[in-house]
Amino acid sequence: MLQEETRRHQITSDRTCERITWHFSPPKAPHFGGLWEAAVKVAKRQLGNSKLSFEDLSTVLTQIEASMNLRPIVPLSEEPNDIAALTPAHFLIGGSMHSLPEHDLHRTPLNHLGHYHQL
């Protein structure tokens, strides 16, 4: 489709009206990709040459995603009372991706809540 000159011109002019610009990365220059190529590098390093089933690959990629979203966005402060750094996970889910989900206790009878420390 992009090989035809008239089609390419039409696509380019339509996208220009919408203020869309194209930035192509050369195939042999992953350093042009910036942050997303760094993410790919981390995933490749974690996976190596593993041969995984779909379920195993899904699990591993989810764990890699969680680890990558726990990297600090800004340098940690020198303040000893700052216990957590701002990470992408805070914007995605409001906290750490490694934390366990809280139990829903709304339908639990009050007399069964004795062994829980928090309500």
N, C-alpha and C. Protein backbone atom coordinates (compact mmCIF):
# COMPACT_ATOMS: atom_id res chain seq x y z
N MET A 1 0.82 -1.18 0.00
CA MET A 1 0.00 0.00 0.00
C MET A 1 0.87 1.26 0.00
N LEU A 2 1.97 1.26 0.77
CA LEU A 2 2.82 2.44 0.82
C LEU A 2 3.75 2.55 -0.37
N GLN A 3 3.79 1.53 -1.20
CA GLN A 3 4.65 1.57 -2.38
C GLN A 3 4.09 2.49 -3.47
N GLU A 4 2.79 2.65 -3.52
CA GLU A 4 2.17 3.49 -4.53
C GLU A 4 2.33 4.96 -4.15
N GLU A 5 2.84 5.74 -5.07
CA GLU A 5 3.14 7.15 -4.81
C GLU A 5 1.88 7.94 -4.44
N THR A 6 0.76 7.70 -5.15
CA THR A 6 -0.47 8.45 -4.86
C THR A 6 -1.00 8.12 -3.47
N ARG A 7 -0.94 6.85 -3.11
CA ARG A 7 -1.39 6.44 -1.77
C ARG A 7 -0.53 7.07 -0.69
N ARG A 8 0.78 7.01 -0.89
CA ARG A 8 1.71 7.54 0.09
C ARG A 8 1.49 9.04 0.27
N HIS A 9 1.27 9.76 -0.84
CA HIS A 9 1.02 11.20 -0.78
C HIS A 9 -0.28 11.48 -0.03
N GLN A 10 -1.32 10.69 -0.31
CA GLN A 10 -2.61 10.88 0.36
C GLN A 10 -2.48 10.65 1.86
N ILE A 11 -1.80 9.58 2.25
CA ILE A 11 -1.61 9.28 3.67
C ILE A 11 -0.82 10.40 4.35
N THR A 12 0.25 10.85 3.70
CA THR A 12 1.08 11.90 4.27
C THR A 12 0.30 13.20 4.43
N SER A 13 -0.46 13.58 3.43
CA SER A 13 -1.22 14.84 3.53
C SER A 13 -2.32 14.74 4.57
N ASP A 14 -2.99 13.60 4.64
CA ASP A 14 -4.04 13.42 5.66
C ASP A 14 -3.46 13.50 7.07
N ARG A 15 -2.31 12.87 7.29
CA ARG A 15 -1.69 12.88 8.62
C ARG A 15 -1.14 14.25 8.98
N THR A 16 -0.67 15.01 7.98
CA THR A 16 -0.16 16.35 8.22
C THR A 16 -1.27 17.25 8.73
N CYS A 17 -2.46 17.10 8.18
CA CYS A 17 -3.60 17.90 8.64
C CYS A 17 -3.92 17.61 10.12
N GLU A 18 -3.66 16.40 10.54
CA GLU A 18 -3.91 16.01 11.92
C GLU A 18 -2.70 16.22 12.82
N ARG A 19 -1.64 16.82 12.27
CA ARG A 19 -0.40 17.12 12.99
C ARG A 19 0.29 15.86 13.50
N ILE A 20 0.23 14.80 12.73
CA ILE A 20 0.92 13.56 13.05
C ILE A 20 2.23 13.56 12.28
N THR A 21 3.32 13.31 12.98
CA THR A 21 4.62 13.21 12.32
C THR A 21 5.13 11.79 12.47
N TRP A 22 5.87 11.34 11.48
CA TRP A 22 6.39 9.98 11.47
C TRP A 22 7.87 10.02 11.81
N HIS A 23 8.29 9.12 12.70
CA HIS A 23 9.70 8.97 13.05
C HIS A 23 10.04 7.49 12.91
N PHE A 24 10.86 7.16 11.96
CA PHE A 24 11.19 5.77 11.71
C PHE A 24 12.53 5.43 12.34
N SER A 25 12.60 4.24 12.93
CA SER A 25 13.84 3.74 13.49
C SER A 25 14.46 2.77 12.50
N PRO A 26 15.73 2.95 12.19
CA PRO A 26 16.38 1.99 11.29
C PRO A 26 16.40 0.60 11.93
N PRO A 27 16.24 -0.46 11.14
CA PRO A 27 16.17 -1.82 11.70
C PRO A 27 17.39 -2.23 12.51
N LYS A 28 18.56 -1.79 12.16
CA LYS A 28 19.78 -2.20 12.85
C LYS A 28 20.26 -1.17 13.87
N ALA A 29 19.38 -0.27 14.30
CA ALA A 29 19.77 0.77 15.25
C ALA A 29 18.80 0.82 16.42
N PRO A 30 18.86 -0.17 17.33
CA PRO A 30 17.92 -0.17 18.44
C PRO A 30 18.09 1.02 19.38
N HIS A 31 19.27 1.67 19.35
CA HIS A 31 19.46 2.82 20.23
C HIS A 31 18.58 4.00 19.82
N PHE A 32 17.98 3.98 18.65
CA PHE A 32 17.05 5.02 18.24
C PHE A 32 15.74 4.91 19.01
N GLY A 33 15.45 3.75 19.55
CA GLY A 33 14.18 3.50 20.22
C GLY A 33 14.06 4.05 21.62
N GLY A 34 15.17 4.40 22.24
CA GLY A 34 15.12 5.01 23.56
C GLY A 34 14.57 4.08 24.62
N LEU A 35 13.57 4.57 25.35
CA LEU A 35 13.06 3.85 26.52
C LEU A 35 12.44 2.51 26.19
N TRP A 36 11.68 2.42 25.09
CA TRP A 36 11.03 1.13 24.82
C TRP A 36 12.05 0.08 24.42
N GLU A 37 13.14 0.48 23.79
CA GLU A 37 14.17 -0.50 23.47
C GLU A 37 14.90 -0.95 24.73
N ALA A 38 15.03 -0.07 25.71
CA ALA A 38 15.61 -0.46 26.99
C ALA A 38 14.72 -1.50 27.67
N ALA A 39 13.41 -1.33 27.54
CA ALA A 39 12.48 -2.31 28.11
C ALA A 39 12.60 -3.65 27.40
N VAL A 40 12.75 -3.63 26.09
CA VAL A 40 12.93 -4.86 25.32
C VAL A 40 14.23 -5.55 25.75
N LYS A 41 15.27 -4.77 25.96
CA LYS A 41 16.56 -5.33 26.39
C LYS A 41 16.44 -6.03 27.74
N VAL A 42 15.72 -5.42 28.67
CA VAL A 42 15.51 -6.04 29.98
C VAL A 42 14.76 -7.36 29.83
N ALA A 43 13.70 -7.36 29.02
CA ALA A 43 12.92 -8.58 28.82
C ALA A 43 13.75 -9.67 28.16
N LYS A 44 14.56 -9.31 27.17
CA LYS A 44 15.41 -10.30 26.51
C LYS A 44 16.43 -10.87 27.49
N ARG A 45 16.99 -10.03 28.34
CA ARG A 45 17.97 -10.50 29.31
C ARG A 45 17.32 -11.47 30.29
N GLN A 46 16.07 -11.21 30.69
CA GLN A 46 15.37 -12.08 31.63
C GLN A 46 15.01 -13.42 30.98
N LEU A 47 14.57 -13.38 29.73
CA LEU A 47 14.11 -14.59 29.07
C LEU A 47 15.24 -15.43 28.50
N GLY A 48 16.28 -14.78 27.97
CA GLY A 48 17.37 -15.51 27.35
C GLY A 48 16.85 -16.33 26.18
N ASN A 49 17.28 -17.57 26.09
CA ASN A 49 16.84 -18.48 25.02
C ASN A 49 15.82 -19.49 25.53
N SER A 50 15.04 -19.11 26.51
CA SER A 50 14.06 -20.02 27.11
C SER A 50 12.98 -20.40 26.11
N LYS A 51 12.55 -21.63 26.21
CA LYS A 51 11.42 -22.12 25.42
C LYS A 51 10.30 -22.37 26.42
N LEU A 52 9.29 -21.50 26.37
CA LEU A 52 8.23 -21.53 27.37
C LEU A 52 6.89 -21.80 26.72
N SER A 53 5.98 -22.39 27.49
CA SER A 53 4.61 -22.54 27.03
C SER A 53 3.95 -21.16 27.09
N PHE A 54 2.76 -21.04 26.51
CA PHE A 54 2.06 -19.76 26.51
C PHE A 54 1.81 -19.28 27.94
N GLU A 55 1.38 -20.18 28.81
CA GLU A 55 1.08 -19.81 30.18
C GLU A 55 2.34 -19.36 30.92
N ASP A 56 3.45 -20.10 30.73
CA ASP A 56 4.70 -19.73 31.38
C ASP A 56 5.21 -18.39 30.85
N LEU A 57 5.13 -18.18 29.54
CA LEU A 57 5.56 -16.92 28.96
C LEU A 57 4.71 -15.77 29.48
N SER A 58 3.41 -15.97 29.57
CA SER A 58 2.52 -14.94 30.09
C SER A 58 2.88 -14.58 31.52
N THR A 59 3.16 -15.59 32.33
CA THR A 59 3.55 -15.36 33.73
C THR A 59 4.86 -14.61 33.82
N VAL A 60 5.85 -15.04 33.06
CA VAL A 60 7.17 -14.39 33.09
C VAL A 60 7.07 -12.95 32.61
N LEU A 61 6.34 -12.71 31.53
CA LEU A 61 6.20 -11.35 31.03
C LEU A 61 5.48 -10.45 32.02
N THR A 62 4.51 -10.99 32.74
CA THR A 62 3.81 -10.22 33.77
C THR A 62 4.77 -9.87 34.91
N GLN A 63 5.63 -10.82 35.29
CA GLN A 63 6.62 -10.54 36.33
C GLN A 63 7.64 -9.51 35.87
N ILE A 64 8.07 -9.61 34.63
CA ILE A 64 9.00 -8.62 34.08
C ILE A 64 8.35 -7.25 34.05
N GLU A 65 7.09 -7.20 33.62
CA GLU A 65 6.36 -5.93 33.60
C GLU A 65 6.29 -5.31 34.99
N ALA A 66 5.99 -6.14 35.98
CA ALA A 66 5.92 -5.64 37.35
C ALA A 66 7.27 -5.10 37.81
N SER A 67 8.33 -5.81 37.50
CA SER A 67 9.67 -5.36 37.89
C SER A 67 10.04 -4.05 37.20
N MET A 68 9.71 -3.95 35.93
CA MET A 68 10.04 -2.72 35.20
C MET A 68 9.21 -1.54 35.68
N ASN A 69 7.99 -1.78 36.09
CA ASN A 69 7.14 -0.69 36.57
C ASN A 69 7.44 -0.32 38.01
N LEU A 70 8.38 -1.02 38.64
CA LEU A 70 8.81 -0.67 39.99
C LEU A 70 10.09 0.14 40.00
N ARG A 71 10.66 0.38 38.84
CA ARG A 71 11.87 1.21 38.77
C ARG A 71 11.52 2.66 39.06
N PRO A 72 12.32 3.32 39.88
CA PRO A 72 12.02 4.72 40.21
C PRO A 72 12.06 5.62 38.97
N ILE A 73 11.12 6.56 38.91
CA ILE A 73 11.08 7.53 37.82
C ILE A 73 12.10 8.63 38.08
N VAL A 74 12.22 9.02 39.32
CA VAL A 74 13.15 10.08 39.72
C VAL A 74 14.12 9.50 40.73
N PRO A 75 15.30 10.10 40.89
CA PRO A 75 16.25 9.59 41.89
C PRO A 75 15.65 9.64 43.29
N LEU A 76 16.04 8.69 44.11
CA LEU A 76 15.58 8.67 45.48
C LEU A 76 16.13 9.87 46.23
N SER A 77 15.37 10.38 47.17
CA SER A 77 15.83 11.53 47.93
C SER A 77 16.80 11.07 49.02
N GLU A 78 17.49 12.02 49.58
CA GLU A 78 18.43 11.74 50.68
C GLU A 78 17.70 11.68 52.02
N GLU A 79 16.41 12.01 52.02
CA GLU A 79 15.63 12.04 53.25
C GLU A 79 15.37 10.61 53.74
N PRO A 80 15.79 10.28 54.97
CA PRO A 80 15.60 8.91 55.47
C PRO A 80 14.14 8.54 55.72
N ASN A 81 13.25 9.54 55.85
CA ASN A 81 11.84 9.24 56.09
C ASN A 81 11.09 8.90 54.80
N ASP A 82 11.70 9.14 53.65
CA ASP A 82 11.08 8.75 52.37
C ASP A 82 11.30 7.26 52.17
N ILE A 83 10.24 6.49 52.33
CA ILE A 83 10.40 5.03 52.25
C ILE A 83 10.11 4.47 50.86
N ALA A 84 9.49 5.26 50.00
CA ALA A 84 9.15 4.75 48.67
C ALA A 84 9.49 5.78 47.60
N ALA A 85 9.92 5.28 46.47
CA ALA A 85 10.19 6.15 45.33
C ALA A 85 8.98 6.18 44.42
N LEU A 86 8.84 7.24 43.66
CA LEU A 86 7.76 7.35 42.68
C LEU A 86 8.09 6.47 41.49
N THR A 87 7.21 5.54 41.17
CA THR A 87 7.42 4.59 40.09
C THR A 87 6.25 4.62 39.11
N PRO A 88 6.40 4.04 37.91
CA PRO A 88 5.26 3.96 36.99
C PRO A 88 4.07 3.20 37.58
N ALA A 89 4.33 2.26 38.47
CA ALA A 89 3.24 1.49 39.10
C ALA A 89 2.30 2.39 39.89
N HIS A 90 2.83 3.46 40.47
CA HIS A 90 1.97 4.38 41.21
C HIS A 90 0.93 5.02 40.30
N PHE A 91 1.29 5.28 39.05
CA PHE A 91 0.35 5.88 38.10
C PHE A 91 -0.58 4.83 37.52
N LEU A 92 -0.10 3.59 37.39
CA LEU A 92 -0.91 2.54 36.77
C LEU A 92 -1.94 1.97 37.73
N ILE A 93 -1.51 1.63 38.94
CA ILE A 93 -2.42 0.97 39.88
C ILE A 93 -2.46 1.61 41.26
N GLY A 94 -1.69 2.67 41.45
CA GLY A 94 -1.73 3.38 42.72
C GLY A 94 -0.78 2.85 43.78
N GLY A 95 0.09 1.92 43.44
CA GLY A 95 1.04 1.38 44.40
C GLY A 95 1.93 0.34 43.77
N SER A 96 2.54 -0.46 44.60
CA SER A 96 3.46 -1.49 44.13
C SER A 96 2.74 -2.60 43.38
N MET A 97 3.37 -3.10 42.33
CA MET A 97 2.79 -4.21 41.57
C MET A 97 3.10 -5.56 42.21
N HIS A 98 3.97 -5.56 43.21
CA HIS A 98 4.32 -6.81 43.88
C HIS A 98 3.50 -7.04 45.15
N SER A 99 2.69 -6.06 45.53
CA SER A 99 1.90 -6.23 46.74
C SER A 99 0.74 -7.20 46.47
N LEU A 100 0.34 -7.89 47.50
CA LEU A 100 -0.78 -8.82 47.38
C LEU A 100 -2.09 -8.06 47.43
N PRO A 101 -3.09 -8.52 46.70
CA PRO A 101 -4.38 -7.82 46.74
C PRO A 101 -5.02 -7.97 48.12
N GLU A 102 -5.73 -6.93 48.52
CA GLU A 102 -6.42 -6.98 49.80
C GLU A 102 -7.69 -7.81 49.65
N HIS A 103 -8.05 -8.48 50.75
CA HIS A 103 -9.26 -9.30 50.73
C HIS A 103 -10.48 -8.39 50.82
N ASP A 104 -11.54 -8.75 50.11
CA ASP A 104 -12.79 -8.02 50.20
C ASP A 104 -13.56 -8.56 51.39
N LEU A 105 -13.69 -7.73 52.41
CA LEU A 105 -14.33 -8.17 53.66
C LEU A 105 -15.73 -7.61 53.82
N HIS A 106 -16.29 -7.01 52.79
CA HIS A 106 -17.60 -6.38 52.91
C HIS A 106 -18.72 -7.38 53.22
N ARG A 107 -18.62 -8.59 52.71
CA ARG A 107 -19.69 -9.57 52.93
C ARG A 107 -19.36 -10.56 54.04
N THR A 108 -18.24 -10.38 54.69
CA THR A 108 -17.85 -11.26 55.78
C THR A 108 -18.58 -10.84 57.06
N PRO A 109 -19.22 -11.77 57.74
CA PRO A 109 -19.90 -11.41 59.01
C PRO A 109 -18.89 -10.85 60.02
N LEU A 110 -19.35 -9.89 60.80
CA LEU A 110 -18.46 -9.23 61.75
C LEU A 110 -17.83 -10.20 62.75
N ASN A 111 -18.55 -11.24 63.15
CA ASN A 111 -17.99 -12.18 64.12
C ASN A 111 -16.89 -13.06 63.52
N HIS A 112 -16.71 -13.02 62.19
CA HIS A 112 -15.63 -13.78 61.54
C HIS A 112 -14.39 -12.93 61.31
N LEU A 113 -14.44 -11.66 61.69
CA LEU A 113 -13.32 -10.76 61.43
C LEU A 113 -12.32 -10.70 62.57
N GLY A 114 -12.49 -11.50 63.58
CA GLY A 114 -11.62 -11.45 64.75
C GLY A 114 -10.16 -11.72 64.44
N HIS A 115 -9.86 -12.58 63.48
CA HIS A 115 -8.47 -12.92 63.20
C HIS A 115 -7.79 -11.94 62.23
N TYR A 116 -8.52 -10.98 61.70
CA TYR A 116 -7.93 -9.96 60.84
C TYR A 116 -7.46 -8.80 61.70
N HIS A 117 -6.32 -8.25 61.36
CA HIS A 117 -5.76 -7.15 62.13
C HIS A 117 -6.36 -5.81 61.72
N GLN A 118 -6.80 -5.70 60.48
CA GLN A 118 -7.36 -4.45 60.00
C GLN A 118 -8.76 -4.68 59.48
N LEU A 119 -9.63 -3.70 59.64
CA LEU A 119 -10.97 -3.77 59.09
C LEU A 119 -11.08 -2.90 57.88
